[in-house]
PDB file of N, CA and C in Angstrom:
ATOM      1  N   MET A   1      -9.003 -30.937  14.117  1.00  0.00           N
ATOM      2  CA  MET A   1      -9.620 -30.417  12.758  1.00  0.00           C
ATOM      3  C   MET A   1     -11.188 -30.270  13.132  1.00  0.00           C
ATOM      4  N   ALA A   2     -11.745 -29.194  12.633  1.00  0.00           N
ATOM      5  CA  ALA A   2     -13.255 -28.977  12.750  1.00  0.00           C
ATOM      6  C   ALA A   2     -13.959 -29.900  11.854  1.00  0.00           C
ATOM      7  N   ARG A   3     -15.003 -30.053  12.168  1.00  0.00           N
ATOM      8  CA  ARG A   3     -16.045 -30.947  11.393  1.00  0.00           C
ATOM      9  C   ARG A   3     -16.205 -30.212   9.993  1.00  0.00           C
ATOM     10  N   LYS A   4     -16.092 -31.180   8.999  1.00  0.00           N
ATOM     11  CA  LYS A   4     -16.303 -30.633   7.632  1.00  0.00           C
ATOM     12  C   LYS A   4     -17.466 -29.812   7.445  1.00  0.00           C
ATOM     13  N   SER A   5     -18.551 -30.187   8.086  1.00  0.00           N
ATOM     14  CA  SER A   5     -19.866 -29.545   7.807  1.00  0.00           C
ATOM     15  C   SER A   5     -19.913 -28.081   8.321  1.00  0.00           C
ATOM     16  N   LEU A   6     -19.175 -28.118   9.474  1.00  0.00           N
ATOM     17  CA  LEU A   6     -19.076 -26.642  10.108  1.00  0.00           C
ATOM     18  C   LEU A   6     -18.128 -25.772   9.166  1.00  0.00           C
ATOM     19  N   ILE A   7     -17.203 -26.182   8.495  1.00  0.00           N
ATOM     20  CA  ILE A   7     -16.428 -25.397   7.698  1.00  0.00           C
ATOM     21  C   ILE A   7     -17.229 -25.073   6.439  1.00  0.00           C
ATOM     22  N   ALA A   8     -18.103 -26.062   6.016  1.00  0.00           N
ATOM     23  CA  ALA A   8     -18.840 -25.995   4.825  1.00  0.00           C
ATOM     24  C   ALA A   8     -19.845 -24.772   4.981  1.00  0.00           C
ATOM     25  N   ARG A   9     -20.452 -24.933   6.015  1.00  0.00           N
ATOM     26  CA  ARG A   9     -21.593 -24.019   6.485  1.00  0.00           C
ATOM     27  C   ARG A   9     -21.191 -22.597   6.489  1.00  0.00           C
ATOM     28  N   ASN A  10     -19.977 -22.389   7.057  1.00  0.00           N
ATOM     29  CA  ASN A  10     -19.194 -20.930   7.307  1.00  0.00           C
ATOM     30  C   ASN A  10     -18.937 -20.482   5.924  1.00  0.00           C
ATOM     31  N   ASN A  11     -18.431 -21.334   4.962  1.00  0.00           N
ATOM     32  CA  ASN A  11     -18.126 -20.873   3.642  1.00  0.00           C
ATOM     33  C   ASN A  11     -19.491 -20.629   2.841  1.00  0.00           C
ATOM     34  N   LYS A  12     -20.379 -21.199   3.250  1.00  0.00           N
ATOM     35  CA  LYS A  12     -21.638 -21.032   2.440  1.00  0.00           C
ATOM     36  C   LYS A  12     -22.144 -19.502   2.950  1.00  0.00           C
ATOM     37  N   ARG A  13     -22.075 -19.276   4.182  1.00  0.00           N
ATOM     38  CA  ARG A  13     -22.310 -17.886   4.667  1.00  0.00           C
ATOM     39  C   ARG A  13     -21.530 -16.800   4.059  1.00  0.00           C
ATOM     40  N   ILE A  14     -20.192 -17.119   4.011  1.00  0.00           N
ATOM     41  CA  ILE A  14     -19.297 -16.012   3.507  1.00  0.00           C
ATOM     42  C   ILE A  14     -19.727 -15.894   1.893  1.00  0.00           C
ATOM     43  N   LYS A  15     -20.090 -16.891   1.220  1.00  0.00           N
ATOM     44  CA  LYS A  15     -20.620 -16.462  -0.215  1.00  0.00           C
ATOM     45  C   LYS A  15     -21.857 -15.758  -0.140  1.00  0.00           C
ATOM     46  N   LEU A  16     -22.870 -16.030   0.652  1.00  0.00           N
ATOM     47  CA  LEU A  16     -24.009 -15.512   0.724  1.00  0.00           C
ATOM     48  C   LEU A  16     -23.889 -13.930   1.136  1.00  0.00           C
ATOM     49  N   ASN A  17     -22.981 -13.617   2.108  1.00  0.00           N
ATOM     50  CA  ASN A  17     -22.729 -12.241   2.497  1.00  0.00           C
ATOM     51  C   ASN A  17     -22.084 -11.638   1.294  1.00  0.00           C
ATOM     52  N   GLU A  18     -21.133 -12.132   0.630  1.00  0.00           N
ATOM     53  CA  GLU A  18     -20.674 -11.482  -0.674  1.00  0.00           C
ATOM     54  C   GLU A  18     -21.866 -11.053  -1.724  1.00  0.00           C
ATOM     55  N   LYS A  19     -22.785 -12.153  -1.757  1.00  0.00           N
ATOM     56  CA  LYS A  19     -23.768 -12.127  -2.917  1.00  0.00           C
ATOM     57  C   LYS A  19     -24.561 -10.662  -2.482  1.00  0.00           C
ATOM     58  N   TYR A  20     -25.113 -10.545  -1.098  1.00  0.00           N
ATOM     59  CA  TYR A  20     -26.133  -9.756  -0.890  1.00  0.00           C
ATOM     60  C   TYR A  20     -25.457  -8.456  -0.210  1.00  0.00           C
ATOM     61  N   ALA A  21     -24.194  -8.210  -0.176  1.00  0.00           N
ATOM     62  CA  ALA A  21     -23.578  -6.952   0.514  1.00  0.00           C
ATOM     63  C   ALA A  21     -24.188  -5.768  -0.086  1.00  0.00           C
ATOM     64  N   LYS A  22     -24.244  -5.641  -1.442  1.00  0.00           N
ATOM     65  CA  LYS A  22     -24.616  -4.340  -2.142  1.00  0.00           C
ATOM     66  C   LYS A  22     -26.128  -4.009  -1.588  1.00  0.00           C
ATOM     67  N   LYS A  23     -26.809  -5.081  -1.923  1.00  0.00           N
ATOM     68  CA  LYS A  23     -28.297  -4.899  -1.732  1.00  0.00           C
ATOM     69  C   LYS A  23     -28.606  -4.660  -0.290  1.00  0.00           C
ATOM     70  N   ARG A  24     -27.755  -5.245   0.657  1.00  0.00           N
ATOM     71  CA  ARG A  24     -27.990  -4.866   2.108  1.00  0.00           C
ATOM     72  C   ARG A  24     -27.625  -3.460   2.438  1.00  0.00           C
ATOM     73  N   ALA A  25     -26.582  -3.127   1.973  1.00  0.00           N
ATOM     74  CA  ALA A  25     -25.962  -1.653   2.183  1.00  0.00           C
ATOM     75  C   ALA A  25     -27.068  -0.629   1.592  1.00  0.00           C
ATOM     76  N   GLU A  26     -27.600  -0.912   0.479  1.00  0.00           N
ATOM     77  CA  GLU A  26     -28.669  -0.028  -0.042  1.00  0.00           C
ATOM     78  C   GLU A  26     -29.900   0.085   0.875  1.00  0.00           C
ATOM     79  N   MET A  27     -30.312  -1.023   1.388  1.00  0.00           N
ATOM     80  CA  MET A  27     -31.539  -1.121   2.188  1.00  0.00           C
ATOM     81  C   MET A  27     -31.220  -0.508   3.416  1.00  0.00           C
ATOM     82  N   LYS A  28     -30.127  -0.569   4.107  1.00  0.00           N
ATOM     83  CA  LYS A  28     -29.703   0.026   5.249  1.00  0.00           C
ATOM     84  C   LYS A  28     -29.613   1.492   5.081  1.00  0.00           C
ATOM     85  N   LYS A  29     -29.211   2.002   3.895  1.00  0.00           N
ATOM     86  CA  LYS A  29     -28.936   3.457   3.671  1.00  0.00           C
ATOM     87  C   LYS A  29     -30.498   4.158   3.422  1.00  0.00           C
ATOM     88  N   ASN A  30     -31.248   3.267   2.818  1.00  0.00           N
ATOM     89  CA  ASN A  30     -32.624   3.862   2.500  1.00  0.00           C
ATOM     90  C   ASN A  30     -33.525   3.612   3.690  1.00  0.00           C
ATOM     91  N   GLY A  31     -33.268   2.884   4.749  1.00  0.00           N
ATOM     92  CA  GLY A  31     -34.041   2.550   5.914  1.00  0.00           C
ATOM     93  C   GLY A  31     -35.088   1.617   5.818  1.00  0.00           C
ATOM     94  N   ASP A  32     -34.933   0.775   4.880  1.00  0.00           N
ATOM     95  CA  ASP A  32     -35.809  -0.279   4.486  1.00  0.00           C
ATOM     96  C   ASP A  32     -35.675  -1.602   5.459  1.00  0.00           C
ATOM     97  N   TYR A  33     -36.120  -1.456   6.668  1.00  0.00           N
ATOM     98  CA  TYR A  33     -35.641  -2.384   7.598  1.00  0.00           C
ATOM     99  C   TYR A  33     -36.553  -3.920   7.405  1.00  0.00           C
ATOM    100  N   GLU A  34     -37.765  -3.619   6.804  1.00  0.00           N
ATOM    101  CA  GLU A  34     -38.556  -4.862   6.366  1.00  0.00           C
ATOM    102  C   GLU A  34     -37.825  -5.547   5.248  1.00  0.00           C
ATOM    103  N   GLY A  35     -37.402  -4.893   4.309  1.00  0.00           N
ATOM    104  CA  GLY A  35     -36.766  -5.586   3.209  1.00  0.00           C
ATOM    105  C   GLY A  35     -35.406  -6.327   3.876  1.00  0.00           C
ATOM    106  N   LEU A  36     -34.784  -5.780   4.666  1.00  0.00           N
ATOM    107  CA  LEU A  36     -33.600  -6.486   5.338  1.00  0.00           C
ATOM    108  C   LEU A  36     -33.984  -7.963   6.018  1.00  0.00           C
ATOM    109  N   GLN A  37     -35.134  -7.768   6.386  1.00  0.00           N
ATOM    110  CA  GLN A  37     -35.626  -8.872   7.112  1.00  0.00           C
ATOM    111  C   GLN A  37     -35.985 -10.204   6.330  1.00  0.00           C
ATOM    112  N   LYS A  38     -36.333  -9.747   4.991  1.00  0.00           N
ATOM    113  CA  LYS A  38     -36.689 -10.500   4.061  1.00  0.00           C
ATOM    114  C   LYS A  38     -35.421 -11.348   3.475  1.00  0.00           C
ATOM    115  N   LEU A  39     -34.333 -10.759   3.520  1.00  0.00           N
ATOM    116  CA  LEU A  39     -33.178 -11.358   3.040  1.00  0.00           C
ATOM    117  C   LEU A  39     -32.782 -12.522   3.812  1.00  0.00           C
ATOM    118  N   PRO A  40     -31.889 -13.559   3.248  1.00  0.00           N
ATOM    119  CA  PRO A  40     -31.691 -14.595   3.906  1.00  0.00           C
ATOM    120  C   PRO A  40     -30.774 -14.465   5.113  1.00  0.00           C
ATOM    121  N   ARG A  41     -31.171 -15.224   6.169  1.00  0.00           N
ATOM    122  CA  ARG A  41     -30.483 -14.984   7.413  1.00  0.00           C
ATOM    123  C   ARG A  41     -29.025 -15.118   7.397  1.00  0.00           C
ATOM    124  N   ASN A  42     -28.507 -15.996   6.726  1.00  0.00           N
ATOM    125  CA  ASN A  42     -27.091 -16.406   6.548  1.00  0.00           C
ATOM    126  C   ASN A  42     -26.293 -15.344   5.761  1.00  0.00           C
ATOM    127  N   SER A  43     -27.192 -14.348   5.335  1.00  0.00           N
ATOM    128  CA  SER A  43     -26.376 -13.377   4.431  1.00  0.00           C
ATOM    129  C   SER A  43     -25.782 -12.083   5.431  1.00  0.00           C
ATOM    130  N   SER A  44     -26.094 -12.301   6.637  1.00  0.00           N
ATOM    131  CA  SER A  44     -25.666 -11.147   7.523  1.00  0.00           C
ATOM    132  C   SER A  44     -24.227 -11.402   7.848  1.00  0.00           C
ATOM    133  N   PRO A  45     -23.443 -10.191   7.939  1.00  0.00           N
ATOM    134  CA  PRO A  45     -22.087 -10.377   8.190  1.00  0.00           C
ATOM    135  C   PRO A  45     -21.828 -11.008   9.472  1.00  0.00           C
ATOM    136  N   THR A  46     -22.718 -10.670  10.430  1.00  0.00           N
ATOM    137  CA  THR A  46     -22.517 -11.125  11.885  1.00  0.00           C
ATOM    138  C   THR A  46     -22.444 -12.698  12.189  1.00  0.00           C
ATOM    139  N   ARG A  47     -23.021 -13.376  11.149  1.00  0.00           N
ATOM    140  CA  ARG A  47     -23.251 -14.701  11.191  1.00  0.00           C
ATOM    141  C   ARG A  47     -21.913 -15.432  10.887  1.00  0.00           C
ATOM    142  N   ILE A  48     -21.011 -14.818  10.271  1.00  0.00           N
ATOM    143  CA  ILE A  48     -19.817 -15.441   9.776  1.00  0.00           C
ATOM    144  C   ILE A  48     -18.865 -15.644  10.936  1.00  0.00           C
ATOM    145  N   LYS A  49     -18.311 -16.812  11.084  1.00  0.00           N
ATOM    146  CA  LYS A  49     -17.518 -17.081  12.317  1.00  0.00           C
ATOM    147  C   LYS A  49     -15.996 -17.169  11.711  1.00  0.00           C
ATOM    148  N   ASN A  50     -15.215 -16.497  12.536  1.00  0.00           N
ATOM    149  CA  ASN A  50     -13.635 -16.649  12.090  1.00  0.00           C
ATOM    150  C   ASN A  50     -13.023 -17.850  12.420  1.00  0.00           C
ATOM    151  N   ARG A  51     -12.537 -18.447  11.339  1.00  0.00           N
ATOM    152  CA  ARG A  51     -11.843 -19.825  11.355  1.00  0.00           C
ATOM    153  C   ARG A  51     -10.517 -19.760  11.027  1.00  0.00           C
ATOM    154  N   CYS A  52      -9.917 -20.926  11.491  1.00  0.00           N
ATOM    155  CA  CYS A  52      -8.372 -20.937  10.955  1.00  0.00           C
ATOM    156  C   CYS A  52      -8.414 -21.590   9.438  1.00  0.00           C
ATOM    157  N   THR A  53      -7.557 -20.988   8.637  1.00  0.00           N
ATOM    158  CA  THR A  53      -7.593 -21.212   7.195  1.00  0.00           C
ATOM    159  C   THR A  53      -7.145 -22.652   7.004  1.00  0.00           C
ATOM    160  N   PHE A  54      -6.195 -23.212   8.064  1.00  0.00           N
ATOM    161  CA  PHE A  54      -5.682 -24.788   7.685  1.00  0.00           C
ATOM    162  C   PHE A  54      -6.633 -25.640   8.341  1.00  0.00           C
ATOM    163  N   THR A  55      -6.981 -25.417   9.607  1.00  0.00           N
ATOM    164  CA  THR A  55      -7.684 -26.501  10.514  1.00  0.00           C
ATOM    165  C   THR A  55      -9.116 -26.237  10.540  1.00  0.00           C
ATOM    166  N   GLY A  56      -9.627 -25.088  10.513  1.00  0.00           N
ATOM    167  CA  GLY A  56     -10.948 -24.760  10.547  1.00  0.00           C
ATOM    168  C   GLY A  56     -11.434 -24.573  12.019  1.00  0.00           C
ATOM    169  N   ARG A  57     -10.308 -24.447  13.039  1.00  0.00           N
ATOM    170  CA  ARG A  57     -10.614 -24.282  14.307  1.00  0.00           C
ATOM    171  C   ARG A  57     -11.099 -22.927  14.584  1.00  0.00           C
ATOM    172  N   SER A  58     -12.139 -22.763  15.530  1.00  0.00           N
ATOM    173  CA  SER A  58     -12.695 -21.410  15.722  1.00  0.00           C
ATOM    174  C   SER A  58     -12.236 -20.684  17.093  1.00  0.00           C
ATOM    175  N   ARG A  59     -11.697 -21.382  17.882  1.00  0.00           N
ATOM    176  CA  ARG A  59     -11.076 -20.906  19.200  1.00  0.00           C
ATOM    177  C   ARG A  59      -9.822 -20.767  18.978  1.00  0.00           C
ATOM    178  N   GLY A  60      -9.333 -19.414  19.586  1.00  0.00           N
ATOM    179  CA  GLY A  60      -8.129 -19.052  19.647  1.00  0.00           C
ATOM    180  C   GLY A  60      -7.486 -18.493  18.201  1.00  0.00           C
ATOM    181  N   TYR A  61      -8.456 -18.065  17.470  1.00  0.00           N
ATOM    182  CA  TYR A  61      -8.207 -17.474  16.354  1.00  0.00           C
ATOM    183  C   TYR A  61      -7.601 -16.012  16.335  1.00  0.00           C
ATOM    184  N   MET A  62      -6.490 -15.944  15.502  1.00  0.00           N
ATOM    185  CA  MET A  62      -5.573 -14.571  15.439  1.00  0.00           C
ATOM    186  C   MET A  62      -5.893 -13.907  14.116  1.00  0.00           C
ATOM    187  N   ARG A  63      -6.679 -12.766  14.206  1.00  0.00           N
ATOM    188  CA  ARG A  63      -7.013 -12.213  13.034  1.00  0.00           C
ATOM    189  C   ARG A  63      -6.103 -11.663  12.107  1.00  0.00           C
ATOM    190  N   GLU A  64      -4.902 -11.233  12.692  1.00  0.00           N
ATOM    191  CA  GLU A  64      -3.858 -10.596  11.843  1.00  0.00           C
ATOM    192  C   GLU A  64      -3.249 -11.564  10.983  1.00  0.00           C
ATOM    193  N   PHE A  65      -3.174 -13.019  11.505  1.00  0.00           N
ATOM    194  CA  PHE A  65      -2.658 -13.897  10.481  1.00  0.00           C
ATOM    195  C   PHE A  65      -3.631 -14.977   9.913  1.00  0.00           C
ATOM    196  N   GLY A  66      -4.664 -14.938  10.390  1.00  0.00           N
ATOM    197  CA  GLY A  66      -5.994 -15.900   9.783  1.00  0.00           C
ATOM    198  C   GLY A  66      -5.638 -17.415  10.302  1.00  0.00           C
ATOM    199  N   PHE A  67      -4.808 -17.707  11.467  1.00  0.00           N
ATOM    200  CA  PHE A  67      -4.613 -18.904  11.896  1.00  0.00           C
ATOM    201  C   PHE A  67      -5.157 -18.943  13.282  1.00  0.00           C
ATOM    202  N   SER A  68      -5.273 -20.211  13.838  1.00  0.00           N
ATOM    203  CA  SER A  68      -5.686 -20.443  15.117  1.00  0.00           C
ATOM    204  C   SER A  68      -4.201 -20.475  15.908  1.00  0.00           C
ATOM    205  N   ARG A  69      -4.242 -20.350  17.326  1.00  0.00           N
ATOM    206  CA  ARG A  69      -2.986 -20.111  18.098  1.00  0.00           C
ATOM    207  C   ARG A  69      -2.009 -21.364  17.932  1.00  0.00           C
ATOM    208  N   ILE A  70      -2.652 -22.567  17.602  1.00  0.00           N
ATOM    209  CA  ILE A  70      -1.931 -23.789  17.535  1.00  0.00           C
ATOM    210  C   ILE A  70      -1.242 -23.797  16.249  1.00  0.00           C
ATOM    211  N   THR A  71      -1.816 -23.603  15.138  1.00  0.00           N
ATOM    212  CA  THR A  71      -1.162 -23.445  13.702  1.00  0.00           C
ATOM    213  C   THR A  71      -0.328 -22.351  13.562  1.00  0.00           C
ATOM    214  N   PHE A  72      -0.436 -21.174  14.347  1.00  0.00           N
ATOM    215  CA  PHE A  72       0.320 -20.088  14.255  1.00  0.00           C
ATOM    216  C   PHE A  72       1.684 -20.500  14.833  1.00  0.00           C
ATOM    217  N   ARG A  73       1.548 -21.168  16.089  1.00  0.00           N
ATOM    218  CA  ARG A  73       2.976 -21.602  16.614  1.00  0.00           C
ATOM    219  C   ARG A  73       3.548 -22.458  15.637  1.00  0.00           C
ATOM    220  N   GLU A  74       3.005 -23.503  15.293  1.00  0.00           N
ATOM    221  CA  GLU A  74       3.486 -24.583  14.477  1.00  0.00           C
ATOM    222  C   GLU A  74       4.328 -23.765  13.072  1.00  0.00           C
ATOM    223  N   GLU A  75       3.400 -22.864  12.486  1.00  0.00           N
ATOM    224  CA  GLU A  75       4.145 -22.163  11.158  1.00  0.00           C
ATOM    225  C   GLU A  75       5.190 -21.154  11.718  1.00  0.00           C
ATOM    226  N   ALA A  76       5.215 -20.550  12.916  1.00  0.00           N
ATOM    227  CA  ALA A  76       6.144 -19.796  13.203  1.00  0.00           C
ATOM    228  C   ALA A  76       7.525 -20.508  13.624  1.00  0.00           C
ATOM    229  N   ASN A  77       7.370 -21.712  14.119  1.00  0.00           N
ATOM    230  CA  ASN A  77       8.534 -22.328  14.470  1.00  0.00           C
ATOM    231  C   ASN A  77       9.099 -22.867  13.321  1.00  0.00           C
ATOM    232  N   LYS A  78       8.420 -23.318  12.165  1.00  0.00           N
ATOM    233  CA  LYS A  78       8.853 -23.684  10.965  1.00  0.00           C
ATOM    234  C   LYS A  78       9.573 -22.527  10.299  1.00  0.00           C
ATOM    235  N   GLY A  79       9.331 -21.317  10.614  1.00  0.00           N
ATOM    236  CA  GLY A  79       9.919 -20.045   9.907  1.00  0.00           C
ATOM    237  C   GLY A  79       8.907 -19.747   8.577  1.00  0.00           C
ATOM    238  N   ASN A  80       7.767 -20.286   8.645  1.00  0.00           N
ATOM    239  CA  ASN A  80       6.992 -19.890   7.532  1.00  0.00           C
ATOM    240  C   ASN A  80       6.238 -18.585   7.409  1.00  0.00           C
ATOM    241  N   ILE A  81       6.354 -17.855   8.676  1.00  0.00           N
ATOM    242  CA  ILE A  81       5.644 -16.507   8.727  1.00  0.00           C
ATOM    243  C   ILE A  81       6.778 -15.503   8.869  1.00  0.00           C
ATOM    244  N   PRO A  82       6.852 -14.643   7.794  1.00  0.00           N
ATOM    245  CA  PRO A  82       7.833 -13.749   7.735  1.00  0.00           C
ATOM    246  C   PRO A  82       7.678 -12.651   8.716  1.00  0.00           C
ATOM    247  N   GLY A  83       8.769 -12.405   9.508  1.00  0.00           N
ATOM    248  CA  GLY A  83       8.897 -11.227  10.450  1.00  0.00           C
ATOM    249  C   GLY A  83       8.736 -11.858  11.901  1.00  0.00           C
ATOM    250  N   ILE A  84       8.280 -13.120  12.087  1.00  0.00           N
ATOM    251  CA  ILE A  84       7.927 -13.783  13.305  1.00  0.00           C
ATOM    252  C   ILE A  84       8.983 -14.749  13.649  1.00  0.00           C
ATOM    253  N   ARG A  85       9.458 -14.675  14.947  1.00  0.00           N
ATOM    254  CA  ARG A  85      10.487 -15.760  15.468  1.00  0.00           C
ATOM    255  C   ARG A  85      10.355 -15.710  16.798  1.00  0.00           C
ATOM    256  N   LYS A  86      10.780 -16.985  17.433  1.00  0.00           N
ATOM    257  CA  LYS A  86      10.447 -17.211  18.777  1.00  0.00           C
ATOM    258  C   LYS A  86      11.374 -16.330  19.471  1.00  0.00           C
ATOM    259  N   SER A  87      10.691 -15.697  20.837  1.00  0.00           N
ATOM    260  CA  SER A  87      11.423 -14.642  21.370  1.00  0.00           C
ATOM    261  C   SER A  87      12.447 -15.413  22.368  1.00  0.00           C
ATOM    262  N   SER A  88      13.464 -14.812  22.815  1.00  0.00           N
ATOM    263  CA  SER A  88      14.369 -15.206  23.892  1.00  0.00           C
ATOM    264  C   SER A  88      15.048 -14.137  24.588  1.00  0.00           C
ATOM    265  N   TRP A  89      14.963 -13.986  25.941  1.00  0.00           N
ATOM    266  CA  TRP A  89      15.731 -12.827  26.510  1.00  0.00           C
ATOM    267  C   TRP A  89      16.414 -13.331  27.796  1.00  0.00           C
TER     268      TRP A  89
END
């Protein structure tokens, strides 16, 4: 499991991004790049890190499911993900 501080920091970035999304879009549309620089740095969507919803792991993240590869395998083996089952041929 990832450190709690990393998960909390990422959640803070997500909230800031949601808060400033409209303002950022308007500034980009108008070409006000000086105003964009004055916005909080963490409000930028590029600073958000994809993390597993269960463990907070950042590596091996699967976008389609929102899990890391390890959690995905565990949940798939339990049968908790609809339409996914272990392959055999």
